[in-house]
Amino acid sequence: MAGDDVIATGEGKYRVWGGEDNDTFKTLDGGKGFMKIMDFEAGDSITFCGCASTRIEQRGKNAWIVKNDDVKAVVKGVTAADLQIDFDQAIITMVADPLA
């Protein structure tokens, strides 16, 4: 993929890539399933329900986006500390690097 892509999946488990530029990964609201984001980087975002029960967890080498007990996304090779969650805008992004 190239350009600013919007990637959404249905029920099930999917590996997804956004490619270059600023991509938006849309998590499934309701239903069972999650996406494994293989190339999340600065400028990309993950949209979610905005629910207060959504959290970011560190599991192994990956950050997991979880709502209650339901996994919504796994962000490969990214730590939970690298992500910030904005409940008002229902979006998850990389923490800005103050030295960049």
Protein backbone atom coordinates (compact mmCIF):
# COMPACT_ATOMS: atom_id res chain seq x y z
CA MET A 1 0.00 0.00 0.00
CA ALA A 2 1.11 3.55 -0.53
CA GLY A 3 -0.18 6.91 0.60
CA ASP A 4 -2.44 7.68 3.54
CA ASP A 5 -4.37 4.42 3.89
CA VAL A 6 -7.37 3.48 6.05
CA ILE A 7 -7.21 -0.17 7.07
CA ALA A 8 -10.22 -1.88 8.64
CA THR A 9 -10.96 -5.57 9.19
CA GLY A 10 -14.00 -7.65 10.03
CA GLU A 11 -14.31 -10.45 12.56
CA GLY A 12 -11.33 -12.77 12.73
CA LYS A 13 -7.58 -12.28 13.07
CA TYR A 14 -5.69 -10.33 10.42
CA ARG A 15 -2.10 -9.22 9.82
CA VAL A 16 -2.14 -5.75 8.32
CA TRP A 17 0.40 -3.33 6.85
CA GLY A 18 -0.13 0.34 6.16
CA GLY A 19 3.02 1.02 4.20
CA GLU A 20 4.39 4.52 3.80
CA ASP A 21 2.80 7.80 4.90
CA ASN A 22 0.18 8.37 7.62
CA ASP A 23 -2.15 5.40 7.94
CA THR A 24 -5.28 4.89 10.03
CA PHE A 25 -6.03 1.45 11.46
CA LYS A 26 -9.69 1.07 12.49
CA THR A 27 -10.39 -1.45 15.25
CA LEU A 28 -13.53 -3.55 15.24
CA ASP A 29 -16.20 -2.19 17.61
CA GLY A 30 -18.20 -5.21 18.70
CA GLY A 31 -17.70 -8.70 17.35
CA LYS A 32 -14.68 -10.89 17.92
CA GLY A 33 -11.37 -10.42 16.26
CA PHE A 34 -8.34 -8.18 16.08
CA MET A 35 -5.70 -6.89 13.74
CA LYS A 36 -1.97 -7.38 14.15
CA ILE A 37 -0.38 -4.17 12.91
CA MET A 38 2.97 -5.08 11.39
CA ASP A 39 4.39 -1.62 10.55
CA PHE A 40 2.99 1.03 12.91
CA GLU A 41 5.11 4.20 12.91
CA ALA A 42 5.02 7.89 13.79
CA GLY A 43 2.19 9.60 11.90
CA ASP A 44 -0.02 6.49 11.93
CA SER A 45 -3.09 6.23 14.17
CA ILE A 46 -5.44 3.60 15.55
CA THR A 47 -9.10 4.49 15.94
CA PHE A 48 -11.18 2.79 18.62
CA CYS A 49 -14.55 3.13 20.36
CA GLY A 50 -13.31 5.77 22.80
CA CYS A 51 -14.54 3.57 25.64
CA ALA A 52 -12.93 4.12 29.05
CA SER A 53 -12.47 0.34 29.32
CA THR A 54 -9.90 0.42 26.48
CA ARG A 55 -6.27 0.21 27.58
CA ILE A 56 -2.78 -0.39 26.20
CA GLU A 57 -0.85 -3.33 27.67
CA GLN A 58 2.72 -4.51 27.17
CA ARG A 59 2.85 -8.23 26.32
CA GLY A 60 6.26 -9.49 25.31
CA LYS A 61 7.72 -7.22 22.62
CA ASN A 62 4.35 -5.88 21.46
CA ALA A 63 1.73 -3.37 22.61
CA TRP A 64 -1.80 -4.77 22.89
CA ILE A 65 -4.96 -2.64 22.61
CA VAL A 66 -7.56 -4.29 24.83
CA LYS A 67 -11.19 -3.41 25.64
CA ASN A 68 -12.24 -5.22 28.81
CA ASP A 69 -11.02 -8.78 27.99
CA ASP A 70 -11.34 -8.39 24.20
CA VAL A 71 -8.15 -7.82 22.19
CA LYS A 72 -8.71 -5.17 19.51
CA ALA A 73 -5.19 -4.79 18.08
CA VAL A 74 -1.63 -5.99 18.56
CA VAL A 75 1.03 -3.47 17.55
CA LYS A 76 4.09 -5.47 16.53
CA GLY A 77 7.48 -4.25 17.75
CA VAL A 78 6.06 -1.22 19.56
CA THR A 79 6.06 -0.83 23.34
CA ALA A 80 3.05 0.35 25.31
CA ALA A 81 5.17 3.30 26.50
CA ASP A 82 5.54 4.41 22.85
CA LEU A 83 1.77 4.86 22.46
CA GLN A 84 -0.64 7.47 23.80
CA ILE A 85 -4.39 7.11 24.02
CA ASP A 86 -6.82 10.03 23.55
CA PHE A 87 -10.27 9.02 24.77
CA ASP A 88 -11.93 12.27 23.64
CA GLN A 89 -10.85 11.81 20.01
CA ALA A 90 -10.97 7.97 20.20
CA ILE A 91 -7.47 7.68 18.75
CA ILE A 92 -4.15 6.05 19.64
CA THR A 93 -0.89 7.49 18.28
CA MET A 94 2.86 7.29 18.83
CA VAL A 95 4.19 9.46 21.64
CA ALA A 96 5.87 12.50 20.10
CA ASP A 97 9.65 12.52 20.36
CA PRO A 98 10.64 15.89 21.90
CA LEU A 99 14.07 15.63 20.24
CA ALA A 100 12.68 15.16 16.73
